[in-house]
Amino acid sequence: MPQINSALEGTFHPEPRCDTCSYVLPSQTAKTGLRCGFDYFNSSYIMRKFQLMQHFPEVHPYNACGSWTDKPKSLDPKSDFGFAAFNPDNSSA
């Protein structure tokens, strides 16, 4: 009976397709139901509020591009917020 290498057990990589990409956005206005969110996730937090869904290209689930990733981009709260987030546990009321 062959032994399974424990180092390989946790290495699952999905196929590089739009439906498995971390940047994909579900969209009710897209005919395919998906839009590419690469520009959305790479813009500042404040600018995301002003971008309409129609500005992001529609994609098919089976498409893929060079920007595909299965790891979401981490957000740095110090970089783009410009204000301190309210923390209810730290309020002085």
N, C-alpha and C. Protein backbone atom coordinates (compact mmCIF):
# COMPACT_ATOMS: atom_id res chain seq x y z
N MET A 1 0.84 -1.18 0.00
CA MET A 1 0.00 0.00 0.00
C MET A 1 0.89 1.24 0.00
N PRO A 2 0.72 2.15 -0.97
CA PRO A 2 1.57 3.33 -1.03
C PRO A 2 1.23 4.32 0.08
N GLN A 3 2.27 4.98 0.60
CA GLN A 3 2.06 5.97 1.64
C GLN A 3 1.86 7.34 1.01
N ILE A 4 0.99 8.12 1.60
CA ILE A 4 0.70 9.47 1.11
C ILE A 4 1.61 10.44 1.85
N ASN A 5 2.28 11.26 1.10
CA ASN A 5 3.16 12.27 1.69
C ASN A 5 2.28 13.34 2.34
N SER A 6 2.44 13.57 3.64
CA SER A 6 1.61 14.52 4.36
C SER A 6 1.82 15.95 3.87
N ALA A 7 2.96 16.25 3.28
CA ALA A 7 3.22 17.60 2.78
C ALA A 7 2.38 17.90 1.55
N LEU A 8 1.95 16.88 0.84
CA LEU A 8 1.15 17.09 -0.37
C LEU A 8 -0.34 17.12 -0.10
N GLU A 9 -0.78 16.73 1.06
CA GLU A 9 -2.20 16.63 1.35
C GLU A 9 -2.90 17.98 1.29
N GLY A 10 -2.29 19.05 1.74
CA GLY A 10 -2.94 20.35 1.78
C GLY A 10 -2.68 21.22 0.57
N THR A 11 -2.10 20.70 -0.48
CA THR A 11 -1.79 21.52 -1.64
C THR A 11 -2.80 21.27 -2.75
N PHE A 12 -3.91 21.93 -2.68
CA PHE A 12 -4.92 21.87 -3.73
C PHE A 12 -4.95 23.21 -4.43
N HIS A 13 -4.73 23.20 -5.72
CA HIS A 13 -4.76 24.43 -6.50
C HIS A 13 -5.88 24.31 -7.51
N PRO A 14 -6.88 25.19 -7.43
CA PRO A 14 -7.97 25.14 -8.40
C PRO A 14 -7.47 25.51 -9.79
N GLU A 15 -8.25 25.15 -10.77
CA GLU A 15 -7.91 25.50 -12.15
C GLU A 15 -7.92 27.01 -12.30
N PRO A 16 -6.99 27.57 -13.09
CA PRO A 16 -6.98 29.03 -13.29
C PRO A 16 -8.10 29.47 -14.22
N ARG A 17 -9.27 29.59 -13.66
CA ARG A 17 -10.46 30.05 -14.41
C ARG A 17 -11.10 31.19 -13.63
N CYS A 18 -11.88 32.00 -14.31
CA CYS A 18 -12.51 33.15 -13.65
C CYS A 18 -13.41 32.75 -12.48
N ASP A 19 -14.09 31.62 -12.58
CA ASP A 19 -14.98 31.24 -11.50
C ASP A 19 -14.25 30.78 -10.24
N THR A 20 -12.93 30.54 -10.33
CA THR A 20 -12.15 30.18 -9.15
C THR A 20 -11.19 31.29 -8.74
N CYS A 21 -11.25 32.43 -9.39
CA CYS A 21 -10.34 33.54 -9.10
C CYS A 21 -10.82 34.33 -7.89
N SER A 22 -9.88 34.82 -7.11
CA SER A 22 -10.22 35.64 -5.94
C SER A 22 -10.74 37.02 -6.33
N TYR A 23 -10.47 37.44 -7.53
CA TYR A 23 -10.90 38.78 -7.97
C TYR A 23 -12.30 38.80 -8.58
N VAL A 24 -12.91 37.65 -8.81
CA VAL A 24 -14.20 37.63 -9.49
C VAL A 24 -15.29 38.25 -8.61
N LEU A 25 -16.19 38.99 -9.25
CA LEU A 25 -17.30 39.64 -8.56
C LEU A 25 -18.61 39.07 -9.10
N PRO A 26 -19.51 38.62 -8.24
CA PRO A 26 -20.83 38.23 -8.74
C PRO A 26 -21.60 39.49 -9.14
N SER A 27 -22.34 39.41 -10.23
CA SER A 27 -23.03 40.59 -10.74
C SER A 27 -24.38 40.20 -11.33
N GLN A 28 -25.42 40.84 -10.86
CA GLN A 28 -26.76 40.60 -11.40
C GLN A 28 -26.96 41.29 -12.74
N THR A 29 -26.14 42.29 -13.04
CA THR A 29 -26.29 43.03 -14.30
C THR A 29 -25.47 42.43 -15.43
N ALA A 30 -24.59 41.50 -15.14
CA ALA A 30 -23.79 40.85 -16.18
C ALA A 30 -24.56 39.66 -16.74
N LYS A 31 -24.49 39.49 -18.06
CA LYS A 31 -25.18 38.37 -18.69
C LYS A 31 -24.63 37.04 -18.19
N THR A 32 -23.35 36.99 -17.87
CA THR A 32 -22.73 35.76 -17.39
C THR A 32 -22.84 35.60 -15.88
N GLY A 33 -23.21 36.67 -15.18
CA GLY A 33 -23.32 36.63 -13.73
C GLY A 33 -22.02 36.94 -13.02
N LEU A 34 -20.94 37.18 -13.79
CA LEU A 34 -19.63 37.44 -13.20
C LEU A 34 -18.97 38.64 -13.85
N ARG A 35 -18.20 39.37 -13.07
CA ARG A 35 -17.38 40.47 -13.58
C ARG A 35 -15.98 40.34 -12.99
N CYS A 36 -15.01 40.86 -13.72
CA CYS A 36 -13.63 40.83 -13.24
C CYS A 36 -13.43 41.97 -12.25
N GLY A 37 -13.00 41.64 -11.05
CA GLY A 37 -12.80 42.63 -10.01
C GLY A 37 -11.34 42.97 -9.76
N PHE A 38 -10.46 42.66 -10.73
CA PHE A 38 -9.04 42.95 -10.54
C PHE A 38 -8.81 44.43 -10.26
N ASP A 39 -9.39 45.32 -11.07
CA ASP A 39 -9.21 46.76 -10.85
C ASP A 39 -9.89 47.21 -9.56
N TYR A 40 -11.01 46.59 -9.21
CA TYR A 40 -11.71 46.93 -7.98
C TYR A 40 -10.84 46.64 -6.77
N PHE A 41 -10.28 45.46 -6.69
CA PHE A 41 -9.49 45.08 -5.53
C PHE A 41 -8.13 45.76 -5.49
N ASN A 42 -7.67 46.31 -6.60
CA ASN A 42 -6.39 47.01 -6.63
C ASN A 42 -6.55 48.52 -6.52
N SER A 43 -7.77 49.00 -6.35
CA SER A 43 -7.99 50.42 -6.13
C SER A 43 -8.10 50.68 -4.63
N SER A 44 -8.01 51.93 -4.26
CA SER A 44 -8.08 52.28 -2.84
C SER A 44 -9.48 52.01 -2.29
N TYR A 45 -9.56 51.86 -1.00
CA TYR A 45 -10.83 51.57 -0.34
C TYR A 45 -11.87 52.64 -0.64
N ILE A 46 -11.47 53.89 -0.59
CA ILE A 46 -12.40 55.00 -0.84
C ILE A 46 -12.89 54.99 -2.29
N MET A 47 -12.00 54.75 -3.24
CA MET A 47 -12.39 54.75 -4.66
C MET A 47 -13.35 53.61 -4.99
N ARG A 48 -13.31 52.54 -4.23
CA ARG A 48 -14.24 51.43 -4.48
C ARG A 48 -15.69 51.86 -4.33
N LYS A 49 -15.94 52.80 -3.45
CA LYS A 49 -17.30 53.26 -3.22
C LYS A 49 -17.89 53.98 -4.43
N PHE A 50 -17.03 54.56 -5.27
CA PHE A 50 -17.50 55.36 -6.39
C PHE A 50 -17.51 54.62 -7.72
N GLN A 51 -17.03 53.40 -7.73
CA GLN A 51 -16.97 52.63 -8.98
C GLN A 51 -18.27 51.85 -9.19
N LEU A 52 -18.88 52.04 -10.34
CA LEU A 52 -20.10 51.31 -10.68
C LEU A 52 -19.74 49.93 -11.21
N MET A 53 -20.62 48.99 -10.99
CA MET A 53 -20.38 47.61 -11.43
C MET A 53 -20.22 47.53 -12.95
N GLN A 54 -20.86 48.42 -13.70
CA GLN A 54 -20.77 48.40 -15.15
C GLN A 54 -19.36 48.72 -15.66
N HIS A 55 -18.50 49.27 -14.82
CA HIS A 55 -17.13 49.59 -15.24
C HIS A 55 -16.20 48.39 -15.25
N PHE A 56 -16.66 47.29 -14.71
CA PHE A 56 -15.84 46.08 -14.66
C PHE A 56 -16.30 45.13 -15.75
N PRO A 57 -15.36 44.55 -16.50
CA PRO A 57 -15.73 43.71 -17.64
C PRO A 57 -16.42 42.41 -17.23
N GLU A 58 -17.40 42.02 -18.05
CA GLU A 58 -18.05 40.73 -17.84
C GLU A 58 -17.09 39.62 -18.23
N VAL A 59 -17.12 38.54 -17.48
CA VAL A 59 -16.26 37.40 -17.78
C VAL A 59 -17.10 36.13 -17.73
N HIS A 60 -16.64 35.13 -18.45
CA HIS A 60 -17.27 33.81 -18.41
C HIS A 60 -16.56 32.97 -17.36
N PRO A 61 -17.28 32.03 -16.75
CA PRO A 61 -16.65 31.20 -15.72
C PRO A 61 -15.43 30.43 -16.20
N TYR A 62 -15.39 30.08 -17.48
CA TYR A 62 -14.31 29.27 -18.02
C TYR A 62 -13.15 30.10 -18.56
N ASN A 63 -13.24 31.43 -18.54
CA ASN A 63 -12.14 32.29 -18.98
C ASN A 63 -11.04 32.32 -17.93
N ALA A 64 -9.89 32.82 -18.33
CA ALA A 64 -8.78 33.05 -17.39
C ALA A 64 -7.86 34.10 -17.97
N CYS A 65 -7.08 34.76 -17.12
CA CYS A 65 -6.13 35.75 -17.59
C CYS A 65 -4.87 35.69 -16.73
N GLY A 66 -3.92 36.54 -17.02
CA GLY A 66 -2.65 36.56 -16.30
C GLY A 66 -2.77 37.09 -14.88
N SER A 67 -3.89 37.71 -14.53
CA SER A 67 -4.09 38.24 -13.19
C SER A 67 -4.73 37.26 -12.24
N TRP A 68 -5.02 36.05 -12.72
CA TRP A 68 -5.72 35.06 -11.91
C TRP A 68 -4.93 34.73 -10.65
N THR A 69 -5.63 34.63 -9.55
CA THR A 69 -5.03 34.18 -8.29
C THR A 69 -6.10 33.51 -7.44
N ASP A 70 -5.68 32.58 -6.62
CA ASP A 70 -6.61 31.96 -5.68
C ASP A 70 -6.38 32.48 -4.27
N LYS A 71 -5.49 33.46 -4.14
CA LYS A 71 -5.21 34.07 -2.85
C LYS A 71 -5.71 35.51 -2.86
N PRO A 72 -6.67 35.83 -2.01
CA PRO A 72 -7.18 37.21 -1.99
C PRO A 72 -6.11 38.19 -1.56
N LYS A 73 -6.19 39.39 -2.09
CA LYS A 73 -5.25 40.45 -1.72
C LYS A 73 -5.58 40.92 -0.31
N SER A 74 -4.58 40.97 0.54
CA SER A 74 -4.81 41.41 1.90
C SER A 74 -4.94 42.93 1.93
N LEU A 75 -5.83 43.41 2.76
CA LEU A 75 -6.06 44.84 2.89
C LEU A 75 -5.24 45.39 4.03
N ASP A 76 -4.54 46.47 3.78
CA ASP A 76 -3.78 47.15 4.81
C ASP A 76 -4.62 48.31 5.31
N PRO A 77 -5.17 48.24 6.51
CA PRO A 77 -6.06 49.30 6.98
C PRO A 77 -5.38 50.65 7.13
N LYS A 78 -4.07 50.70 7.20
CA LYS A 78 -3.37 51.97 7.34
C LYS A 78 -3.18 52.68 6.02
N SER A 79 -3.25 51.96 4.89
CA SER A 79 -2.83 52.53 3.63
C SER A 79 -3.86 53.41 2.93
N ASP A 80 -5.11 53.02 2.89
CA ASP A 80 -6.05 53.72 2.04
C ASP A 80 -7.28 54.27 2.76
N PHE A 81 -7.40 54.06 4.04
CA PHE A 81 -8.62 54.49 4.70
C PHE A 81 -8.65 56.01 4.90
N GLY A 82 -7.62 56.55 5.50
CA GLY A 82 -7.58 57.99 5.73
C GLY A 82 -8.39 58.41 6.95
N PHE A 83 -8.96 57.46 7.67
CA PHE A 83 -9.72 57.76 8.87
C PHE A 83 -9.62 56.55 9.80
N ALA A 84 -9.89 56.79 11.06
CA ALA A 84 -9.85 55.69 12.03
C ALA A 84 -11.21 55.01 12.06
N ALA A 85 -11.22 53.72 11.99
CA ALA A 85 -12.47 52.97 12.04
C ALA A 85 -13.01 52.98 13.48
N PHE A 86 -14.32 53.04 13.61
CA PHE A 86 -14.97 53.05 14.91
C PHE A 86 -14.88 51.67 15.54
N ASN A 87 -14.44 51.60 16.76
CA ASN A 87 -14.35 50.35 17.50
C ASN A 87 -15.28 50.44 18.70
N PRO A 88 -16.40 49.70 18.69
CA PRO A 88 -17.37 49.82 19.81
C PRO A 88 -16.80 49.37 21.15
N ASP A 89 -15.79 48.51 21.15
CA ASP A 89 -15.20 48.06 22.40
C ASP A 89 -14.29 49.11 23.02
N ASN A 90 -13.91 50.10 22.22
CA ASN A 90 -12.94 51.10 22.66
C ASN A 90 -13.58 52.48 22.77
N SER A 91 -14.91 52.53 22.84
CA SER A 91 -15.58 53.84 22.90
C SER A 91 -15.48 54.41 24.31
N SER A 92 -15.44 55.73 24.41
CA SER A 92 -15.30 56.39 25.72
C SER A 92 -16.58 57.09 26.13
N ALA A 93 -17.72 56.53 25.77
CA ALA A 93 -19.00 57.14 26.10
C ALA A 93 -19.50 56.76 27.46
